[in-house]
Amino acid sequence: LPLYNHLYSSKEEDFQSQNIEIAKGFNTVHTFLGKK
């Protein structure tokens, strides 16, 4: 069941690193889960 599906490019001006993109996904899902 899709929760966080992000399409991006390493050529984008504000791209920093893949690890940061992954962290954004973890943050979004962590917030979604609440206390679970």
PDB file of all heavy atoms in Angstrom:
ATOM      1  N   LEU A   1       0.857  -1.184   0.000  1.00  0.00           N
ATOM      2  CA  LEU A   1       0.000   0.000   0.000  1.00  0.00           C
ATOM      3  C   LEU A   1       0.891   1.231   0.000  1.00  0.00           C
ATOM      4  O   LEU A   1       1.611   1.483   0.959  1.00  0.00           O
ATOM      5  CB  LEU A   1      -0.877  -0.026   1.250  1.00  0.00           C
ATOM      6  CG  LEU A   1      -2.047   0.929   1.374  1.00  0.00           C
ATOM      7  CD1 LEU A   1      -3.078   0.663   0.283  1.00  0.00           C
ATOM      8  CD2 LEU A   1      -2.691   0.791   2.745  1.00  0.00           C
ATOM      9  N   PRO A   2       0.917   2.021  -1.094  1.00  0.00           N
ATOM     10  CA  PRO A   2       1.843   3.158  -1.176  1.00  0.00           C
ATOM     11  C   PRO A   2       1.648   4.158  -0.034  1.00  0.00           C
ATOM     12  O   PRO A   2       0.530   4.565   0.262  1.00  0.00           O
ATOM     13  CB  PRO A   2       1.481   3.800  -2.526  1.00  0.00           C
ATOM     14  CG  PRO A   2       0.865   2.709  -3.323  1.00  0.00           C
ATOM     15  CD  PRO A   2       0.117   1.868  -2.335  1.00  0.00           C
ATOM     16  N   LEU A   3       2.768   4.526   0.607  1.00  0.00           N
ATOM     17  CA  LEU A   3       2.752   5.545   1.661  1.00  0.00           C
ATOM     18  C   LEU A   3       3.541   6.782   1.236  1.00  0.00           C
ATOM     19  O   LEU A   3       3.055   7.900   1.341  1.00  0.00           O
ATOM     20  CB  LEU A   3       3.359   4.987   2.958  1.00  0.00           C
ATOM     21  CG  LEU A   3       2.619   3.862   3.665  1.00  0.00           C
ATOM     22  CD1 LEU A   3       3.354   3.489   4.945  1.00  0.00           C
ATOM     23  CD2 LEU A   3       1.170   4.228   3.959  1.00  0.00           C
ATOM     24  N   TYR A   4       4.757   6.547   0.786  1.00  0.00           N
ATOM     25  CA  TYR A   4       5.628   7.653   0.367  1.00  0.00           C
ATOM     26  C   TYR A   4       6.321   7.198  -0.908  1.00  0.00           C
ATOM     27  O   TYR A   4       7.144   6.282  -0.888  1.00  0.00           O
ATOM     28  CB  TYR A   4       6.652   7.980   1.452  1.00  0.00           C
ATOM     29  CG  TYR A   4       7.600   9.110   1.087  1.00  0.00           C
ATOM     30  CD1 TYR A   4       7.249  10.437   1.299  1.00  0.00           C
ATOM     31  CD2 TYR A   4       8.855   8.841   0.540  1.00  0.00           C
ATOM     32  CE1 TYR A   4       8.116  11.474   0.974  1.00  0.00           C
ATOM     33  CE2 TYR A   4       9.731   9.867   0.204  1.00  0.00           C
ATOM     34  CZ  TYR A   4       9.360  11.171   0.429  1.00  0.00           C
ATOM     35  OH  TYR A   4      10.219  12.209   0.096  1.00  0.00           O
ATOM     36  N   ASN A   5       5.953   7.811  -2.010  1.00  0.00           N
ATOM     37  CA  ASN A   5       6.514   7.437  -3.309  1.00  0.00           C
ATOM     38  C   ASN A   5       7.003   8.711  -3.969  1.00  0.00           C
ATOM     39  O   ASN A   5       6.210   9.509  -4.463  1.00  0.00           O
ATOM     40  CB  ASN A   5       5.454   6.737  -4.162  1.00  0.00           C
ATOM     41  CG  ASN A   5       4.891   5.506  -3.472  1.00  0.00           C
ATOM     42  OD1 ASN A   5       4.054   5.633  -2.595  1.00  0.00           O
ATOM     43  ND2 ASN A   5       5.357   4.342  -3.847  1.00  0.00           N
ATOM     44  N   HIS A   6       8.305   8.876  -3.965  1.00  0.00           N
ATOM     45  CA  HIS A   6       8.880  10.156  -4.386  1.00  0.00           C
ATOM     46  C   HIS A   6       9.750   9.975  -5.618  1.00  0.00           C
ATOM     47  O   HIS A   6      10.652   9.139  -5.651  1.00  0.00           O
ATOM     48  CB  HIS A   6       9.706  10.755  -3.247  1.00  0.00           C
ATOM     49  CG  HIS A   6      10.294  12.092  -3.569  1.00  0.00           C
ATOM     50  ND1 HIS A   6       9.534  13.151  -4.019  1.00  0.00           N
ATOM     51  CD2 HIS A   6      11.578  12.549  -3.514  1.00  0.00           C
ATOM     52  CE1 HIS A   6      10.319  14.198  -4.217  1.00  0.00           C
ATOM     53  NE2 HIS A   6      11.552  13.852  -3.927  1.00  0.00           N
ATOM     54  N   LEU A   7       9.455  10.772  -6.637  1.00  0.00           N
ATOM     55  CA  LEU A   7      10.235  10.797  -7.873  1.00  0.00           C
ATOM     56  C   LEU A   7      11.127  12.039  -7.830  1.00  0.00           C
ATOM     57  O   LEU A   7      10.652  13.135  -7.561  1.00  0.00           O
ATOM     58  CB  LEU A   7       9.278  10.848  -9.058  1.00  0.00           C
ATOM     59  CG  LEU A   7       9.828  10.859 -10.476  1.00  0.00           C
ATOM     60  CD1 LEU A   7       8.774  10.286 -11.425  1.00  0.00           C
ATOM     61  CD2 LEU A   7      10.184  12.271 -10.948  1.00  0.00           C
ATOM     62  N   TYR A   8      12.410  11.860  -8.076  1.00  0.00           N
ATOM     63  CA  TYR A   8      13.326  12.999  -7.996  1.00  0.00           C
ATOM     64  C   TYR A   8      14.440  12.851  -9.038  1.00  0.00           C
ATOM     65  O   TYR A   8      14.486  11.869  -9.790  1.00  0.00           O
ATOM     66  CB  TYR A   8      13.912  13.125  -6.587  1.00  0.00           C
ATOM     67  CG  TYR A   8      14.785  11.964  -6.160  1.00  0.00           C
ATOM     68  CD1 TYR A   8      16.175  12.020  -6.279  1.00  0.00           C
ATOM     69  CD2 TYR A   8      14.236  10.796  -5.628  1.00  0.00           C
ATOM     70  CE1 TYR A   8      16.983  10.952  -5.893  1.00  0.00           C
ATOM     71  CE2 TYR A   8      15.026   9.734  -5.240  1.00  0.00           C
ATOM     72  CZ  TYR A   8      16.404   9.818  -5.370  1.00  0.00           C
ATOM     73  OH  TYR A   8      17.202   8.760  -4.991  1.00  0.00           O
ATOM     74  N   SER A   9      15.326  13.824  -9.077  1.00  0.00           N
ATOM     75  CA  SER A   9      16.461  13.775  -9.994  1.00  0.00           C
ATOM     76  C   SER A   9      17.696  14.332  -9.298  1.00  0.00           C
ATOM     77  O   SER A   9      17.612  15.340  -8.592  1.00  0.00           O
ATOM     78  CB  SER A   9      16.176  14.587 -11.257  1.00  0.00           C
ATOM     79  OG  SER A   9      17.351  14.722 -12.043  1.00  0.00           O
ATOM     80  N   SER A  10      18.815  13.683  -9.512  1.00  0.00           N
ATOM     81  CA  SER A  10      20.082  14.184  -8.956  1.00  0.00           C
ATOM     82  C   SER A  10      20.523  15.469  -9.649  1.00  0.00           C
ATOM     83  O   SER A  10      21.444  16.148  -9.184  1.00  0.00           O
ATOM     84  CB  SER A  10      21.174  13.113  -9.093  1.00  0.00           C
ATOM     85  OG  SER A  10      21.357  12.764 -10.462  1.00  0.00           O
ATOM     86  N   LYS A  11      19.854  15.813 -10.762  1.00  0.00           N
ATOM     87  CA  LYS A  11      20.184  17.047 -11.486  1.00  0.00           C
ATOM     88  C   LYS A  11      19.384  18.260 -10.988  1.00  0.00           C
ATOM     89  O   LYS A  11      19.627  19.380 -11.438  1.00  0.00           O
ATOM     90  CB  LYS A  11      19.910  16.846 -12.986  1.00  0.00           C
ATOM     91  CG  LYS A  11      20.797  15.797 -13.661  1.00  0.00           C
ATOM     92  CD  LYS A  11      22.217  16.312 -13.845  1.00  0.00           C
ATOM     93  CE  LYS A  11      23.075  15.321 -14.624  1.00  0.00           C
ATOM     94  NZ  LYS A  11      22.695  15.220 -16.043  1.00  0.00           N
ATOM     95  N   GLU A  12      18.428  18.030 -10.094  1.00  0.00           N
ATOM     96  CA  GLU A  12      17.635  19.144  -9.575  1.00  0.00           C
ATOM     97  C   GLU A  12      18.512  20.081  -8.752  1.00  0.00           C
ATOM     98  O   GLU A  12      19.449  19.648  -8.068  1.00  0.00           O
ATOM     99  CB  GLU A  12      16.484  18.629  -8.711  1.00  0.00           C
ATOM    100  CG  GLU A  12      15.386  17.943  -9.486  1.00  0.00           C
ATOM    101  CD  GLU A  12      14.248  17.500  -8.593  1.00  0.00           C
ATOM    102  OE1 GLU A  12      14.300  16.358  -8.086  1.00  0.00           O
ATOM    103  OE2 GLU A  12      13.309  18.282  -8.397  1.00  0.00           O
ATOM    104  N   GLU A  13      18.190  21.345  -8.794  1.00  0.00           N
ATOM    105  CA  GLU A  13      19.011  22.367  -8.137  1.00  0.00           C
ATOM    106  C   GLU A  13      19.101  22.154  -6.632  1.00  0.00           C
ATOM    107  O   GLU A  13      20.157  22.368  -6.030  1.00  0.00           O
ATOM    108  CB  GLU A  13      18.429  23.758  -8.427  1.00  0.00           C
ATOM    109  CG  GLU A  13      19.344  24.905  -8.005  1.00  0.00           C
ATOM    110  CD  GLU A  13      18.789  26.256  -8.414  1.00  0.00           C
ATOM    111  OE1 GLU A  13      18.041  26.320  -9.406  1.00  0.00           O
ATOM    112  OE2 GLU A  13      19.109  27.239  -7.743  1.00  0.00           O
ATOM    113  N   ASP A  14      18.007  21.710  -5.995  1.00  0.00           N
ATOM    114  CA  ASP A  14      18.014  21.560  -4.538  1.00  0.00           C
ATOM    115  C   ASP A  14      18.344  20.139  -4.085  1.00  0.00           C
ATOM    116  O   ASP A  14      18.234  19.818  -2.895  1.00  0.00           O
ATOM    117  CB  ASP A  14      16.677  21.999  -3.945  1.00  0.00           C
ATOM    118  CG  ASP A  14      15.502  21.190  -4.504  1.00  0.00           C
ATOM    119  OD1 ASP A  14      15.725  20.407  -5.460  1.00  0.00           O
ATOM    120  OD2 ASP A  14      14.376  21.341  -3.997  1.00  0.00           O
ATOM    121  N   PHE A  15      18.749  19.263  -5.010  1.00  0.00           N
ATOM    122  CA  PHE A  15      19.135  17.904  -4.621  1.00  0.00           C
ATOM    123  C   PHE A  15      20.433  17.934  -3.825  1.00  0.00           C
ATOM    124  O   PHE A  15      21.399  18.586  -4.204  1.00  0.00           O
ATOM    125  CB  PHE A  15      19.316  17.022  -5.862  1.00  0.00           C
ATOM    126  CG  PHE A  15      19.829  15.642  -5.548  1.00  0.00           C
ATOM    127  CD1 PHE A  15      18.973  14.665  -5.086  1.00  0.00           C
ATOM    128  CD2 PHE A  15      21.183  15.331  -5.705  1.00  0.00           C
ATOM    129  CE1 PHE A  15      19.436  13.381  -4.788  1.00  0.00           C
ATOM    130  CE2 PHE A  15      21.663  14.058  -5.409  1.00  0.00           C
ATOM    131  CZ  PHE A  15      20.781  13.092  -4.952  1.00  0.00           C
ATOM    132  N   GLN A  16      20.458  17.203  -2.681  1.00  0.00           N
ATOM    133  CA  GLN A  16      21.659  17.149  -1.845  1.00  0.00           C
ATOM    134  C   GLN A  16      22.316  15.773  -1.865  1.00  0.00           C
ATOM    135  O   GLN A  16      23.485  15.644  -2.177  1.00  0.00           O
ATOM    136  CB  GLN A  16      21.300  17.558  -0.407  1.00  0.00           C
ATOM    137  CG  GLN A  16      20.902  19.025  -0.287  1.00  0.00           C
ATOM    138  CD  GLN A  16      20.445  19.378   1.105  1.00  0.00           C
ATOM    139  OE1 GLN A  16      19.309  19.172   1.480  1.00  0.00           O
ATOM    140  NE2 GLN A  16      21.357  19.916   1.899  1.00  0.00           N
ATOM    141  N   SER A  17      21.554  14.738  -1.530  1.00  0.00           N
ATOM    142  CA  SER A  17      22.099  13.376  -1.550  1.00  0.00           C
ATOM    143  C   SER A  17      20.961  12.373  -1.468  1.00  0.00           C
ATOM    144  O   SER A  17      19.840  12.701  -1.050  1.00  0.00           O
ATOM    145  CB  SER A  17      23.059  13.156  -0.374  1.00  0.00           C
ATOM    146  OG  SER A  17      22.326  13.085   0.850  1.00  0.00           O
ATOM    147  N   GLN A  18      21.269  11.135  -1.840  1.00  0.00           N
ATOM    148  CA  GLN A  18      20.261  10.081  -1.759  1.00  0.00           C
ATOM    149  C   GLN A  18      19.898   9.809  -0.303  1.00  0.00           C
ATOM    150  O   GLN A  18      18.734   9.546   0.021  1.00  0.00           O
ATOM    151  CB  GLN A  18      20.773   8.800  -2.421  1.00  0.00           C
ATOM    152  CG  GLN A  18      19.686   7.731  -2.533  1.00  0.00           C
ATOM    153  CD  GLN A  18      20.220   6.392  -2.965  1.00  0.00           C
ATOM    154  OE1 GLN A  18      21.207   5.896  -2.426  1.00  0.00           O
ATOM    155  NE2 GLN A  18      19.560   5.789  -3.934  1.00  0.00           N
ATOM    156  N   ASN A  19      20.888   9.875   0.602  1.00  0.00           N
ATOM    157  CA  ASN A  19      20.608   9.630   2.015  1.00  0.00           C
ATOM    158  C   ASN A  19      19.588  10.623   2.564  1.00  0.00           C
ATOM    159  O   ASN A  19      18.735  10.268   3.388  1.00  0.00           O
ATOM    160  CB  ASN A  19      21.893   9.703   2.845  1.00  0.00           C
ATOM    161  CG  ASN A  19      22.680   8.407   2.789  1.00  0.00           C
ATOM    162  OD1 ASN A  19      22.152   7.364   2.417  1.00  0.00           O
ATOM    163  ND2 ASN A  19      23.945   8.464   3.159  1.00  0.00           N
ATOM    164  N   ILE A  20      19.671  11.865   2.126  1.00  0.00           N
ATOM    165  CA  ILE A  20      18.713  12.880   2.580  1.00  0.00           C
ATOM    166  C   ILE A  20      17.323  12.581   2.021  1.00  0.00           C
ATOM    167  O   ILE A  20      16.309  12.725   2.724  1.00  0.00           O
ATOM    168  CB  ILE A  20      19.186  14.296   2.197  1.00  0.00           C
ATOM    169  CG1 ILE A  20      20.398  14.686   3.064  1.00  0.00           C
ATOM    170  CG2 ILE A  20      18.068  15.322   2.345  1.00  0.00           C
ATOM    171  CD1 ILE A  20      21.016  16.013   2.728  1.00  0.00           C
ATOM    172  N   GLU A  21      17.265  12.137   0.768  1.00  0.00           N
ATOM    173  CA  GLU A  21      15.978  11.759   0.190  1.00  0.00           C
ATOM    174  C   GLU A  21      15.366  10.593   0.966  1.00  0.00           C
ATOM    175  O   GLU A  21      14.155  10.574   1.233  1.00  0.00           O
ATOM    176  CB  GLU A  21      16.135  11.373  -1.290  1.00  0.00           C
ATOM    177  CG  GLU A  21      16.595  12.509  -2.202  1.00  0.00           C
ATOM    178  CD  GLU A  21      15.582  13.640  -2.273  1.00  0.00           C
ATOM    179  OE1 GLU A  21      14.373  13.389  -2.088  1.00  0.00           O
ATOM    180  OE2 GLU A  21      16.008  14.793  -2.512  1.00  0.00           O
ATOM    181  N   ILE A  22      16.192   9.618   1.344  1.00  0.00           N
ATOM    182  CA  ILE A  22      15.715   8.470   2.116  1.00  0.00           C
ATOM    183  C   ILE A  22      15.218   8.921   3.489  1.00  0.00           C
ATOM    184  O   ILE A  22      14.169   8.465   3.970  1.00  0.00           O
ATOM    185  CB  ILE A  22      16.834   7.416   2.260  1.00  0.00           C
ATOM    186  CG1 ILE A  22      17.144   6.792   0.897  1.00  0.00           C
ATOM    187  CG2 ILE A  22      16.435   6.327   3.260  1.00  0.00           C
ATOM    188  CD1 ILE A  22      18.383   5.918   0.877  1.00  0.00           C
ATOM    189  N   ALA A  23      15.961   9.844   4.132  1.00  0.00           N
ATOM    190  CA  ALA A  23      15.564  10.355   5.451  1.00  0.00           C
ATOM    191  C   ALA A  23      14.201  11.037   5.392  1.00  0.00           C
ATOM    192  O   ALA A  23      13.389  10.913   6.316  1.00  0.00           O
ATOM    193  CB  ALA A  23      16.621  11.317   5.983  1.00  0.00           C
ATOM    194  N   LYS A  24      13.930  11.751   4.291  1.00  0.00           N
ATOM    195  CA  LYS A  24      12.615  12.395   4.128  1.00  0.00           C
ATOM    196  C   LYS A  24      11.505  11.347   4.132  1.00  0.00           C
ATOM    197  O   LYS A  24      10.424  11.559   4.701  1.00  0.00           O
ATOM    198  CB  LYS A  24      12.567  13.188   2.819  1.00  0.00           C
ATOM    199  CG  LYS A  24      13.436  14.438   2.798  1.00  0.00           C
ATOM    200  CD  LYS A  24      13.380  15.093   1.412  1.00  0.00           C
ATOM    201  CE  LYS A  24      14.324  16.278   1.301  1.00  0.00           C
ATOM    202  NZ  LYS A  24      14.349  16.839  -0.083  1.00  0.00           N
ATOM    203  N   GLY A  25      11.774  10.218   3.480  1.00  0.00           N
ATOM    204  CA  GLY A  25      10.787   9.138   3.453  1.00  0.00           C
ATOM    205  C   GLY A  25      10.538   8.569   4.835  1.00  0.00           C
ATOM    206  O   GLY A  25       9.387   8.379   5.246  1.00  0.00           O
ATOM    207  N   PHE A  26      11.618   8.306   5.577  1.00  0.00           N
ATOM    208  CA  PHE A  26      11.476   7.797   6.946  1.00  0.00           C
ATOM    209  C   PHE A  26      10.704   8.782   7.818  1.00  0.00           C
ATOM    210  O   PHE A  26       9.841   8.389   8.605  1.00  0.00           O
ATOM    211  CB  PHE A  26      12.844   7.516   7.564  1.00  0.00           C
ATOM    212  CG  PHE A  26      13.426   6.185   7.178  1.00  0.00           C
ATOM    213  CD1 PHE A  26      14.595   6.105   6.440  1.00  0.00           C
ATOM    214  CD2 PHE A  26      12.812   5.003   7.557  1.00  0.00           C
ATOM    215  CE1 PHE A  26      15.139   4.891   6.076  1.00  0.00           C
ATOM    216  CE2 PHE A  26      13.346   3.766   7.204  1.00  0.00           C
ATOM    217  CZ  PHE A  26      14.505   3.711   6.460  1.00  0.00           C
ATOM    218  N   ASN A  27      11.026  10.065   7.704  1.00  0.00           N
ATOM    219  CA  ASN A  27      10.338  11.092   8.506  1.00  0.00           C
ATOM    220  C   ASN A  27       8.841  11.122   8.222  1.00  0.00           C
ATOM    221  O   ASN A  27       8.022  11.205   9.143  1.00  0.00           O
ATOM    222  CB  ASN A  27      10.939  12.477   8.226  1.00  0.00           C
ATOM    223  CG  ASN A  27      12.276  12.668   8.909  1.00  0.00           C
ATOM    224  OD1 ASN A  27      12.582  12.005   9.887  1.00  0.00           O
ATOM    225  ND2 ASN A  27      13.082  13.579   8.391  1.00  0.00           N
ATOM    226  N   THR A  28       8.495  11.070   6.928  1.00  0.00           N
ATOM    227  CA  THR A  28       7.083  11.117   6.541  1.00  0.00           C
ATOM    228  C   THR A  28       6.323   9.922   7.102  1.00  0.00           C
ATOM    229  O   THR A  28       5.232  10.058   7.661  1.00  0.00           O
ATOM    230  CB  THR A  28       6.941  11.156   5.009  1.00  0.00           C
ATOM    231  OG1 THR A  28       7.616  12.307   4.496  1.00  0.00           O
ATOM    232  CG2 THR A  28       5.484  11.202   4.585  1.00  0.00           C
ATOM    233  N   VAL A  29       6.890   8.737   6.952  1.00  0.00           N
ATOM    234  CA  VAL A  29       6.221   7.520   7.415  1.00  0.00           C
ATOM    235  C   VAL A  29       6.165   7.485   8.946  1.00  0.00           C
ATOM    236  O   VAL A  29       5.154   7.073   9.530  1.00  0.00           O
ATOM    237  CB  VAL A  29       6.918   6.268   6.854  1.00  0.00           C
ATOM    238  CG1 VAL A  29       6.304   5.000   7.431  1.00  0.00           C
ATOM    239  CG2 VAL A  29       6.816   6.250   5.325  1.00  0.00           C
ATOM    240  N   HIS A  30       7.235   7.922   9.598  1.00  0.00           N
ATOM    241  CA  HIS A  30       7.261   7.969  11.066  1.00  0.00           C
ATOM    242  C   HIS A  30       6.139   8.867  11.594  1.00  0.00           C
ATOM    243  O   HIS A  30       5.430   8.513  12.546  1.00  0.00           O
ATOM    244  CB  HIS A  30       8.628   8.485  11.534  1.00  0.00           C
ATOM    245  CG  HIS A  30       8.722   8.707  13.009  1.00  0.00           C
ATOM    246  ND1 HIS A  30       8.601   7.681  13.923  1.00  0.00           N
ATOM    247  CD2 HIS A  30       8.912   9.850  13.732  1.00  0.00           C
ATOM    248  CE1 HIS A  30       8.725   8.176  15.151  1.00  0.00           C
ATOM    249  NE2 HIS A  30       8.908   9.484  15.056  1.00  0.00           N
ATOM    250  N   THR A  31       5.954  10.022  10.969  1.00  0.00           N
ATOM    251  CA  THR A  31       4.872  10.930  11.364  1.00  0.00           C
ATOM    252  C   THR A  31       3.513  10.299  11.116  1.00  0.00           C
ATOM    253  O   THR A  31       2.601  10.391  11.951  1.00  0.00           O
ATOM    254  CB  THR A  31       4.982  12.259  10.586  1.00  0.00           C
ATOM    255  OG1 THR A  31       6.255  12.864  10.848  1.00  0.00           O
ATOM    256  CG2 THR A  31       3.886  13.225  10.990  1.00  0.00           C
ATOM    257  N   PHE A  32       3.369   9.638   9.985  1.00  0.00           N
ATOM    258  CA  PHE A  32       2.111   8.967   9.628  1.00  0.00           C
ATOM    259  C   PHE A  32       1.740   7.888  10.650  1.00  0.00           C
ATOM    260  O   PHE A  32       0.579   7.747  11.033  1.00  0.00           O
ATOM    261  CB  PHE A  32       2.245   8.355   8.233  1.00  0.00           C
ATOM    262  CG  PHE A  32       1.191   7.338   7.886  1.00  0.00           C
ATOM    263  CD1 PHE A  32      -0.113   7.729   7.630  1.00  0.00           C
ATOM    264  CD2 PHE A  32       1.508   5.992   7.798  1.00  0.00           C
ATOM    265  CE1 PHE A  32      -1.098   6.785   7.305  1.00  0.00           C
ATOM    266  CE2 PHE A  32       0.542   5.047   7.474  1.00  0.00           C
ATOM    267  CZ  PHE A  32      -0.761   5.448   7.228  1.00  0.00           C
ATOM    268  N   LEU A  33       2.732   7.146  11.129  1.00  0.00           N
ATOM    269  CA  LEU A  33       2.478   6.029  12.046  1.00  0.00           C
ATOM    270  C   LEU A  33       2.079   6.480  13.446  1.00  0.00           C
ATOM    271  O   LEU A  33       1.484   5.717  14.197  1.00  0.00           O
ATOM    272  CB  LEU A  33       3.720   5.134  12.135  1.00  0.00           C
ATOM    273  CG  LEU A  33       4.083   4.362  10.871  1.00  0.00           C
ATOM    274  CD1 LEU A  33       5.441   3.699  11.027  1.00  0.00           C
ATOM    275  CD2 LEU A  33       3.018   3.327  10.531  1.00  0.00           C
ATOM    276  N   GLY A  34       2.406   7.733  13.783  1.00  0.00           N
ATOM    277  CA  GLY A  34       2.083   8.208  15.125  1.00  0.00           C
ATOM    278  C   GLY A  34       2.882   7.453  16.173  1.00  0.00           C
ATOM    279  O   GLY A  34       4.103   7.372  16.100  1.00  0.00           O
ATOM    280  N   LYS A  35       2.197   6.834  17.133  1.00  0.00           N
ATOM    281  CA  LYS A  35       2.883   6.125  18.223  1.00  0.00           C
ATOM    282  C   LYS A  35       3.121   4.649  17.917  1.00  0.00           C
ATOM    283  O   LYS A  35       3.694   3.935  18.731  1.00  0.00           O
ATOM    284  CB  LYS A  35       2.063   6.259  19.510  1.00  0.00           C
ATOM    285  CG  LYS A  35       1.976   7.697  20.029  1.00  0.00           C
ATOM    286  CD  LYS A  35       1.193   7.763  21.332  1.00  0.00           C
ATOM    287  CE  LYS A  35       1.131   9.202  21.850  1.00  0.00           C
ATOM    288  NZ  LYS A  35       0.362   9.297  23.119  1.00  0.00           N
ATOM    289  N   LYS A  36       2.684   4.198  16.748  1.00  0.00           N
ATOM    290  CA  LYS A  36       2.850   2.780  16.411  1.00  0.00           C
ATOM    291  C   LYS A  36       4.273   2.489  15.960  1.00  0.00           C
ATOM    292  O   LYS A  36       4.877   3.268  15.235  1.00  0.00           O
ATOM    293  CB  LYS A  36       1.856   2.371  15.326  1.00  0.00           C
ATOM    294  CG  LYS A  36       0.409   2.378  15.823  1.00  0.00           C
ATOM    295  CD  LYS A  36      -0.514   1.635  14.903  1.00  0.00           C
ATOM    296  CE  LYS A  36      -1.912   1.561  15.513  1.00  0.00           C
ATOM    297  NZ  LYS A  36      -2.844   0.796  14.674  1.00  0.00           N
TER     298      LYS A  36
END
